[in-house]
Every structure is written in C-alpha cells, then in structure tokens.
Protein backbone atom coordinates (compact mmCIF):
# COMPACT_ATOMS: atom_id res chain seq x y z
CA MET A 1 52.19 134.69 22.72
CA ASN A 2 51.65 138.43 22.52
CA THR A 3 53.82 139.91 19.76
CA LYS A 4 52.05 143.27 19.46
CA VAL A 5 54.27 146.30 19.98
CA ASP A 6 52.88 149.31 21.83
CA LYS A 7 52.84 152.65 20.00
CA PHE A 8 51.80 156.16 20.90
CA GLY A 9 49.50 156.87 17.98
CA GLU A 10 49.19 157.55 14.29
CA CYS A 11 52.31 158.47 12.35
CA THR A 12 51.65 161.78 10.57
CA VAL A 13 55.06 163.48 10.29
CA PRO A 14 56.85 163.04 6.92
CA ASN A 15 60.08 161.08 7.37
CA PRO A 16 63.09 163.32 6.59
CA ALA A 17 65.51 160.37 6.31
CA GLY A 18 65.43 160.27 2.51
CA TYR A 19 65.42 156.50 2.07
CA GLU A 20 64.61 155.17 -1.37
CA PHE A 21 62.46 152.38 0.06
CA TYR A 22 60.26 152.37 3.15
CA THR A 23 58.78 149.55 5.20
CA LYS A 24 55.01 149.28 5.05
CA GLU A 25 53.26 150.26 8.29
CA ASN A 26 51.71 146.80 8.78
CA SER A 27 54.55 144.67 7.36
CA VAL A 28 55.12 141.49 9.38
CA VAL A 29 57.59 138.60 9.73
CA MET A 30 56.19 135.09 10.16
CA TYR A 31 57.25 133.23 13.30
CA GLN A 32 57.34 129.85 11.55
CA SER A 33 59.34 129.62 8.32
CA THR A 34 59.69 125.89 7.66
CA PHE A 35 56.97 123.30 7.15
CA GLU A 36 56.85 119.54 6.63
CA SER A 37 55.21 119.96 3.23
CA PRO A 38 53.39 122.61 1.17
CA GLU A 39 50.11 120.98 2.19
CA SER A 40 50.89 121.38 5.89
CA ILE A 41 51.35 125.15 5.78
CA HIS A 42 47.72 126.06 6.44
CA THR A 43 47.38 123.44 9.19
CA ALA A 44 50.61 124.54 10.87
CA ILE A 45 49.95 128.27 11.00
CA GLY A 46 46.20 128.07 11.61
CA GLU A 47 43.67 130.85 11.20
CA LYS A 48 45.67 133.24 13.40
CA PRO A 49 49.35 132.85 12.49
CA ILE A 50 52.03 134.14 14.84
CA TYR A 51 54.07 137.00 13.41
CA PHE A 52 56.33 139.85 14.47
CA GLU A 53 56.26 143.48 13.36
CA GLN A 54 58.93 144.12 10.73
CA SER A 55 61.52 146.77 11.54
CA GLY A 56 62.45 149.51 9.12
CA PRO A 57 61.94 153.17 8.22
CA LEU A 58 58.34 154.30 7.72
CA GLU A 59 57.28 157.01 5.27
CA LYS A 60 55.60 158.86 8.11
CA ILE A 61 56.81 158.96 11.72
CA TYR A 62 55.31 159.94 15.06
CA PHE A 63 57.82 162.38 16.53
CA ASN A 64 58.77 165.70 14.97
CA PRO A 65 62.57 165.19 14.72
CA SER A 66 63.36 168.88 15.29
CA LYS A 67 61.83 168.64 18.77
CA VAL A 68 63.34 165.30 19.82
CA THR A 69 65.94 164.67 22.51
CA ALA A 70 67.27 161.11 22.38
CA GLY A 71 69.08 159.30 25.18
CA ILE A 72 71.46 156.32 25.06
CA VAL A 73 72.51 154.09 27.97
CA THR A 74 74.64 150.90 28.10
CA CYS A 75 74.17 148.54 31.05
CA GLY A 76 75.46 145.26 32.47
CA GLY A 77 78.65 143.50 31.48
CA LEU A 78 80.81 144.59 28.57
CA CYS A 79 80.31 143.04 25.15
CA PRO A 80 81.94 143.42 21.73
CA GLY A 81 79.97 145.88 19.62
CA LEU A 82 78.68 148.32 22.24
CA ASN A 83 80.55 151.21 20.66
CA ASP A 84 79.34 150.17 17.20
CA VAL A 85 75.74 150.42 18.39
CA ILE A 86 76.31 153.80 20.04
CA ARG A 87 77.95 155.10 16.87
CA GLY A 88 75.15 153.71 14.70
CA LEU A 89 72.46 155.35 16.85
CA VAL A 90 74.15 158.76 16.81
CA MET A 91 74.85 158.71 13.06
CA GLU A 92 71.30 157.64 12.17
CA LEU A 93 69.67 160.15 14.53
CA HIS A 94 71.89 163.02 13.40
CA TYR A 95 72.32 162.53 9.67
CA ARG A 96 69.08 160.80 8.66
CA TYR A 97 66.53 162.22 11.11
CA ASN A 98 68.23 165.54 11.94
CA VAL A 99 67.65 165.07 15.66
CA PRO A 100 69.29 168.11 17.31
CA ARG A 101 70.12 166.66 20.75
CA ILE A 102 71.47 163.22 21.66
CA LEU A 103 72.46 162.50 25.27
CA GLY A 104 74.70 159.70 26.44
CA PHE A 105 74.13 158.61 30.04
CA LYS A 106 77.28 157.41 31.81
CA TYR A 107 77.72 154.26 33.91
CA GLY A 108 74.52 152.45 33.03
CA PHE A 109 71.30 153.18 34.88
CA GLU A 110 73.30 155.05 37.52
CA GLY A 111 73.50 157.76 34.86
CA LEU A 112 69.71 158.18 35.09
CA VAL A 113 69.71 158.77 38.85
CA LYS A 114 70.43 162.32 39.95
CA LYS A 115 72.13 161.46 43.26
CA PHE A 116 75.05 159.74 41.53
CA GLY A 117 76.05 163.00 39.86
CA HIS A 118 76.91 161.50 36.45
CA LYS A 119 76.30 164.33 33.99
CA PRO A 120 74.95 163.35 30.55
CA ILE A 121 77.24 163.79 27.56
CA GLU A 122 75.87 165.51 24.47
CA LEU A 123 76.90 163.15 21.69
CA LYS A 124 77.97 164.49 18.29
CA PRO A 125 79.08 162.57 15.18
CA ASP A 126 82.71 163.66 15.52
CA MET A 127 82.77 162.24 19.07
CA VAL A 128 81.67 158.77 17.99
CA SER A 129 83.10 158.46 14.48
CA ASN A 130 86.06 156.30 15.54
CA ILE A 131 84.83 154.58 18.72
CA ALA A 132 84.08 151.30 16.92
CA ARG A 133 87.83 150.65 16.87
CA ASP A 134 87.76 150.21 20.65
CA GLY A 135 86.26 147.54 22.87
CA GLY A 136 83.88 148.29 25.71
CA SER A 137 81.49 151.25 25.83
CA MET A 138 82.43 154.92 25.61
CA LEU A 139 79.54 155.50 28.03
CA ALA A 140 80.84 152.82 30.44
CA SER A 141 78.43 150.61 32.34
CA SER A 142 77.31 149.40 35.76
CA ARG A 143 75.22 146.74 37.45
CA GLY A 144 72.60 147.10 40.15
CA ASN A 145 68.96 148.08 40.58
CA GLN A 146 68.03 151.75 40.57
CA ASP A 147 64.80 153.49 41.56
CA ILE A 148 62.48 153.46 38.54
CA GLY A 149 60.64 156.64 39.57
CA GLU A 150 63.88 158.55 39.96
CA MET A 151 65.04 157.44 36.50
CA VAL A 152 61.81 158.56 34.86
CA ASP A 153 62.06 161.89 36.71
CA PHE A 154 65.58 162.30 35.34
CA LEU A 155 64.45 161.59 31.79
CA GLY A 156 61.74 164.21 32.15
CA LEU A 157 64.20 166.72 33.61
CA HIS A 158 66.36 166.42 30.50
CA GLY A 159 63.43 166.37 28.07
CA VAL A 160 64.19 162.91 26.69
CA ASN A 161 61.63 161.66 24.15
CA ILE A 162 63.34 158.41 23.14
CA LEU A 163 65.60 156.28 25.37
CA PHE A 164 67.73 153.54 23.82
CA CYS A 165 68.65 150.89 26.41
CA ILE A 166 71.52 148.63 25.31
CA GLY A 167 71.85 145.59 27.53
CA GLY A 168 70.96 142.01 28.35
CA ASP A 169 68.15 140.32 30.22
CA GLY A 170 68.45 142.41 33.40
CA THR A 171 68.72 145.66 31.46
CA LEU A 172 65.66 144.81 29.39
CA ARG A 173 63.64 144.00 32.51
CA ALA A 174 64.59 147.40 33.94
CA ALA A 175 63.76 149.05 30.61
CA ASN A 176 60.33 147.42 30.74
CA ALA A 177 59.82 148.78 34.27
CA ILE A 178 60.74 152.27 33.00
CA TYR A 179 58.26 151.82 30.14
CA GLU A 180 55.51 150.81 32.58
CA GLU A 181 56.22 153.81 34.82
CA VAL A 182 56.22 156.20 31.86
CA LYS A 183 52.94 154.71 30.68
CA ALA A 184 51.38 154.99 34.15
CA ARG A 185 52.29 158.69 34.22
CA GLY A 186 50.74 159.26 30.81
CA GLU A 187 54.01 160.57 29.39
CA LYS A 188 55.30 159.92 25.89
CA ILE A 189 58.87 158.72 26.23
CA SER A 190 59.67 155.90 23.83
CA ILE A 191 61.66 153.06 25.43
CA ILE A 192 63.60 151.00 22.88
CA GLY A 193 65.78 148.03 23.87
CA ILE A 194 68.76 146.77 21.89
CA PRO A 195 69.58 143.28 23.19
CA LYS A 196 73.20 142.78 24.20
CA THR A 197 74.50 139.41 25.30
CA ILE A 198 77.38 137.41 23.95
CA ASP A 199 75.59 134.33 25.35
CA ASN A 200 72.98 134.70 22.55
CA ASP A 201 70.19 133.67 24.94
CA ILE A 202 67.51 136.36 24.42
CA ASN A 203 64.08 134.90 23.68
CA MET A 204 62.60 135.24 20.16
CA ILE A 205 65.79 136.74 18.73
CA HIS A 206 67.89 134.56 16.44
CA LYS A 207 71.18 136.32 17.14
CA THR A 208 72.46 139.02 19.49
CA PHE A 209 75.40 141.28 18.77
CA GLY A 210 78.78 140.28 20.18
CA PHE A 211 78.08 136.57 19.79
CA SER A 212 80.01 136.16 16.53
CA THR A 213 83.01 138.03 17.96
CA ALA A 214 82.89 136.04 21.20
CA PHE A 215 83.17 132.57 19.76
CA SER A 216 85.65 133.78 17.12
CA GLU A 217 87.90 135.20 19.83
CA ALA A 218 87.56 131.97 21.81
CA MET A 219 89.37 130.22 18.96
CA THR A 220 92.71 131.64 20.15
CA ALA A 221 92.26 130.15 23.61
CA ILE A 222 91.21 126.79 22.13
CA SER A 223 94.20 126.75 19.79
CA CYS A 224 96.53 127.45 22.73
CA ALA A 225 94.85 124.70 24.78
CA HIS A 226 95.34 122.28 21.89
CA VAL A 227 99.02 123.19 21.51
CA GLU A 228 99.55 122.80 25.26
CA ALA A 229 97.74 119.46 25.32
CA LYS A 230 99.80 118.03 22.46
CA GLY A 231 103.01 119.48 23.87
CA ALA A 232 103.25 117.13 26.85
CA PRO A 233 102.51 113.45 27.57
CA ASN A 234 98.88 112.94 28.57
CA GLY A 235 98.22 116.63 28.06
CA ILE A 236 94.78 118.08 28.81
CA GLY A 237 93.71 121.56 27.75
CA LEU A 238 90.69 122.85 29.67
CA VAL A 239 89.00 126.08 28.51
CA LYS A 240 86.07 127.80 30.27
CA LEU A 241 83.88 130.04 28.11
CA MET A 242 80.94 132.30 28.86
CA GLY A 243 77.39 130.97 28.90
CA ARG A 244 75.44 131.16 32.16
CA HIS A 245 72.30 129.46 30.87
CA SER A 246 73.19 128.39 27.34
CA GLY A 247 76.01 126.75 25.45
CA PHE A 248 75.85 128.71 22.19
CA ILE A 249 79.37 130.17 22.45
CA THR A 250 80.91 126.90 23.61
CA VAL A 251 79.25 124.76 20.93
CA ASN A 252 79.93 127.18 18.07
CA ALA A 253 83.56 127.54 19.13
CA ALA A 254 83.92 123.76 19.21
CA LEU A 255 82.34 123.37 15.77
CA ALA A 256 84.62 126.04 14.32
CA SER A 257 87.78 124.75 15.99
CA LYS A 258 87.72 121.04 15.02
CA ASP A 259 90.24 120.38 17.86
CA VAL A 260 87.78 119.98 20.75
CA ASN A 261 87.03 116.53 22.17
CA PHE A 262 84.56 117.25 24.99
CA VAL A 263 81.93 119.99 25.24
CA LEU A 264 80.11 120.60 28.53
CA ILE A 265 77.10 122.95 28.47
CA PRO A 266 74.23 123.94 30.83
CA GLU A 267 71.63 122.30 28.58
CA GLN A 268 73.16 118.82 28.92
CA ASP A 269 73.39 117.03 32.26
CA PHE A 270 76.51 114.98 32.95
CA ASP A 271 78.10 112.98 35.75
CA LEU A 272 81.79 112.84 36.56
CA GLU A 273 82.26 109.21 37.55
CA GLY A 274 80.43 105.96 36.89
CA LYS A 275 79.11 104.27 33.77
CA GLY A 276 78.73 106.68 30.84
CA ALA A 277 80.22 109.56 32.86
CA PHE A 278 82.74 112.18 31.78
CA PHE A 279 85.92 111.11 33.59
CA PRO A 280 86.01 107.51 32.30
CA ALA A 281 85.48 108.85 28.75
CA LEU A 282 88.29 111.35 29.27
CA LYS A 283 90.56 108.61 30.59
CA GLU A 284 89.85 106.46 27.54
CA ARG A 285 90.68 109.38 25.27
CA ILE A 286 94.00 109.98 27.08
CA LEU A 287 94.97 106.30 26.90
CA HIS A 288 94.29 106.11 23.15
CA ARG A 289 95.35 109.59 21.95
CA ASN A 290 97.58 110.93 24.77
CA HIS A 291 95.90 114.36 24.77
CA ALA A 292 92.46 115.98 25.02
CA VAL A 293 90.82 119.41 24.74
CA ILE A 294 87.78 120.22 26.87
CA LEU A 295 85.43 123.21 26.56
CA VAL A 296 83.06 124.03 29.40
CA ALA A 297 80.44 126.78 29.57
CA GLU A 298 80.41 128.73 32.85
CA GLY A 299 76.87 127.60 33.68
CA ALA A 300 77.51 123.89 33.13
CA GLY A 301 77.59 121.39 36.00
CA GLN A 302 76.05 123.67 38.62
CA LYS A 303 74.57 120.61 40.34
CA PHE A 304 78.05 119.95 41.75
CA PHE A 305 77.82 123.07 43.93
CA GLU A 306 75.74 123.85 46.98
CA ASN A 307 72.52 125.65 46.05
CA SER A 308 73.19 129.27 47.03
CA SER A 309 70.75 132.18 46.96
CA GLU A 310 73.59 134.68 46.63
CA THR A 311 73.23 137.10 43.69
CA ASP A 312 75.33 139.77 41.99
CA PRO A 313 74.30 143.49 41.94
CA SER A 314 72.12 142.86 38.87
CA GLY A 315 70.18 140.10 40.61
CA ASN A 316 71.82 137.23 38.70
CA LYS A 317 72.45 134.10 40.73
CA LYS A 318 76.15 133.68 41.50
CA LEU A 319 77.47 130.52 39.88
CA GLY A 320 79.98 128.04 41.18
CA ASP A 321 83.25 128.19 39.24
CA ILE A 322 82.97 125.06 37.11
CA GLY A 323 86.36 125.70 35.49
CA ILE A 324 88.39 125.60 38.71
CA PHE A 325 86.19 122.78 40.00
CA LEU A 326 86.89 120.60 36.95
CA LYS A 327 90.60 121.45 37.04
CA ASN A 328 90.82 120.17 40.62
CA GLU A 329 88.54 117.16 40.11
CA ILE A 330 90.31 116.00 36.94
CA THR A 331 93.64 116.20 38.78
CA ARG A 332 92.21 114.23 41.70
CA TYR A 333 90.65 111.57 39.48
CA PHE A 334 93.77 110.81 37.45
CA LYS A 335 95.91 110.74 40.59
CA LYS A 336 93.52 108.16 42.02
CA GLU A 337 93.74 106.19 38.76
CA GLY A 338 97.55 106.29 38.89
CA LEU A 339 97.77 107.98 35.49
CA PRO A 340 100.03 111.10 35.32
CA ILE A 341 98.60 114.02 33.34
CA ASN A 342 99.67 117.54 32.32
CA LEU A 343 96.65 119.82 32.74
CA LYS A 344 96.53 123.45 31.52
CA TYR A 345 93.52 125.59 32.42
CA ILE A 346 92.57 128.73 30.42
CA ASP A 347 89.79 131.23 31.21
CA PRO A 348 89.68 133.95 28.51
CA SER A 349 86.29 135.42 29.57
CA TYR A 350 87.31 139.05 30.17
CA ILE A 351 89.56 139.07 27.11
CA ILE A 352 86.68 137.88 24.91
CA ARG A 353 84.11 140.37 26.11
CA SER A 354 86.45 143.38 26.03
CA VAL A 355 87.63 143.23 22.41
CA PRO A 356 86.22 145.34 19.55
CA ALA A 357 83.54 143.75 17.39
CA ASN A 358 84.65 141.73 14.39
CA ALA A 359 83.55 142.76 10.89
CA GLU A 360 80.36 140.66 10.94
CA ASP A 361 79.23 141.96 14.31
CA SER A 362 80.12 145.53 13.39
CA VAL A 363 77.78 145.46 10.37
CA PHE A 364 75.07 143.75 12.45
CA CYS A 365 75.36 146.36 15.22
CA ASN A 366 74.86 149.17 12.73
CA PHE A 367 71.68 147.58 11.34
CA LEU A 368 70.33 147.05 14.87
CA ALA A 369 71.03 150.71 15.70
CA GLN A 370 69.36 151.98 12.53
CA ASN A 371 66.24 149.88 13.09
CA ALA A 372 66.06 150.94 16.74
CA VAL A 373 66.03 154.58 15.60
CA HIS A 374 63.33 153.86 13.00
CA ALA A 375 61.16 152.28 15.71
CA GLY A 376 61.68 155.07 18.23
CA MET A 377 60.94 157.83 15.71
CA ALA A 378 57.77 155.97 14.65
CA GLY A 379 56.47 156.13 18.23
CA ARG A 380 57.03 152.49 19.12
CA THR A 381 57.78 151.84 22.78
CA GLY A 382 58.30 149.06 25.31
CA MET A 383 60.02 147.02 22.61
CA VAL A 384 63.25 145.36 21.55
CA VAL A 385 64.72 145.34 18.06
CA GLY A 386 66.00 141.94 16.97
CA ILE A 387 66.29 139.59 14.01
CA TRP A 388 64.18 136.58 13.02
CA ASN A 389 64.58 134.52 9.85
CA ASN A 390 67.13 137.09 8.63
CA VAL A 391 64.62 139.95 8.88
CA PHE A 392 64.84 142.69 11.51
CA THR A 393 61.87 142.76 13.86
CA ASN A 394 60.23 144.75 16.63
CA ILE A 395 58.99 142.68 19.58
CA PRO A 396 57.65 143.60 23.03
CA ILE A 397 60.24 143.61 25.81
CA THR A 398 57.96 141.31 27.79
CA LEU A 399 58.31 138.65 25.10
CA ALA A 400 62.09 139.00 24.96
CA VAL A 401 62.46 138.44 28.72
CA ALA A 402 59.70 135.84 29.12
CA GLU A 403 62.24 133.01 29.17
CA ARG A 404 65.83 132.19 28.27
CA LYS A 405 66.65 130.90 24.83
CA VAL A 406 68.66 127.70 25.13
CA LEU A 407 70.52 125.46 22.71
CA VAL A 408 68.91 122.16 21.66
CA PRO A 409 71.74 119.60 21.94
C-alpha cells in the first residue's frame, strides 16, 4: 500500500509558530504495533516495513505565511465537531502561523462554484471563538457533485494556497479530484482533508471525529427504549442508529449501555425466521424475560430489500429503511405466533448528528485541526490527517478512500 504523501518541495521558511518541540521531517508511525513475540518482529515487518508520515509542526515550512490565503469548506451530512474543527483551523492559522486571510466557503462544494453565488466569508478569531458551543457547521453544507475545473478556477480567483476539506468518503474523493486537477495544471494549492464521519469507517484511520459524541448521545435513546420495553408486558424497544457500512456506533453504544439484548449490524448476516434466526431468538427472550431491547444499524439487513441503483445527490446508494421494516415484520411475526407485544420504535439519527461535540471529541477536533494546518503549511497536499496507534498521521487521500473500514464481529 502506498503511504507516501505528496509535497511541493523543500521546506525552507522558518516556522513562526513558536512551538517548544517540533516533529522531525522524516518521523514515521509504524502500521503494525503488536506482534506475537519479540522474535517475530523482524519477520512480521520485513525489510520494508509499512509506516505513515507523522503529523506535527516542522521547524521549517514550505509556504511563507504572510502570503498565504487559506480556505475551509465543510461537506456532506452534519456531524458533531464540525464547528470545533473550523475554530481550531482558524485559531492555529491566525495565532500560530500569522496567516492574514482565511476564507470560509458556504454550503459545501457549492461554495467553490461561481454560478451558485455563495460569497466566501473572511473568518476571524472573534467570529469563531464561541461556535464550538453549537452543533452543525457555521459554514453549512451540501451534497452533490460539482465541476472540478470550476472549483479549481474559483480557488485561483480567490488566491487560495491551502484548502481544508472537512467531510466523509464522498468529500475526500472530491478533494482528491481537486488535488489531481491542481496538479495537472501545475499550480501549488495544498489540498488537506480532515475526515468527518460519525460512522468511523474511514480506511487507515483509527477514529474519526464525532464518533464518540454519536454513540454517547445514542445512550439516551437506548435508555428510553429500555424504559419503554420494561414498562409494558412483552415490551420491545427497537432503536435504529447510523452506520451505512459499519456497526461501530451500534456496537459501542450497546457495550456502553449494558441494556441491549440484540445488535444487528451490516458486517453480520442474519435471517429473520428459521433455525438460528433472529425472530425465534427474540421470541424466546420475550417468553423468558418479558422485554427486549434491539439496536440496528441503518445499513444492516439490506438483503431484505430489492436491489436498487438509486443514489442520493452525493452518489451514495439509497438504503432500504431497516428500522421501519423490522418494526413491521416483528409485529407481523408475533401476531402470527399469537403472542401480544408492545413495540416502541425510536430513530434518533438527526438528533445525534446535530448536537455539539462532547468534551472528548472537542479536544480531538482541535488536534486534528492543528495537525492539518501543520501539514498544509509544510507543503503537503492530496492528504488526510488522521490518527493511528494514538499518534497523528498524514496519509494520502487515495489510501483513505481505497476501501471502507468495517468492524470485525
């Protein structure tokens, strides 16, 4: 796998940030961190070990900060922590690197296309100092594909040297296309991705921001489902959580809650009826305990729907609604079995993604923002800042979007 990050050239400008410690230019983070035994280390990593570039401030940087215009854009669905990242970027650029001009582009990649008429906002520290208290993004967002050439033209028109793209898989693919177009034109606009997905499914990144907040917020819905289930004879609480391709939120919420009896995720196939299937197990639980709590990730059980090629504006395949489907099928099954139930269905998806970041995510967002700025100022481009083995890393966008990270059941 190619872990090498593209860069414009040698870093010769003294860093004005004033940090006490700086990351070494060639510092790396090993891909593999655990081994069967001390003796197996050499065999496992081989002559050419896999490693990532370590993030952090360098003593010398590529861009002259006094001549830099930075741009920030947030794309895709909302996620806890977007405002924290925006704030972190602005504060680091302004106070540490003394960058004179920071532009915020409104409504996602629409803000980089002239015909939409969304004027950039010049961001100052006093404008962003308190935005972390609010959910969502002060720059708002959008979905949908935009013309890559037009976006690069727009960046050139506004003299942008570094563009920070905050978004998920689709956003990062678009950011990579912008990087490729910039490179083909021979221009020097650094494209830095900051991965945003509460699903936590970005490749080669241990954790994405918003994930901690998401499963923590899900606890309220699970608690309510548990109360509802225990509050009536044969009560069933059914909660649908986010997770198109992975069950990280669902599983972590279940582990934290201790009240969940069944967890359905995209990574694990299941049948509804027959030997070893879900409904007979649910019936047995109801007969013995008189209540049950079920968590289901939105991408689970898609085999129960007709295979559709329909997509949303971002190109994501539209999923069948597994929550409503299960609600109806559970009701049908128990009616057929002659066993009365009291089923309550809860879908807290938009509540979860719209809240402000919790304390853990807020700190994490700030570190991501700072390391993104360090990378951009050092002339890195076509890359994503992430974390691996508790160390912040720079990795190529192509590696981050090569495949989906999934949970191993």
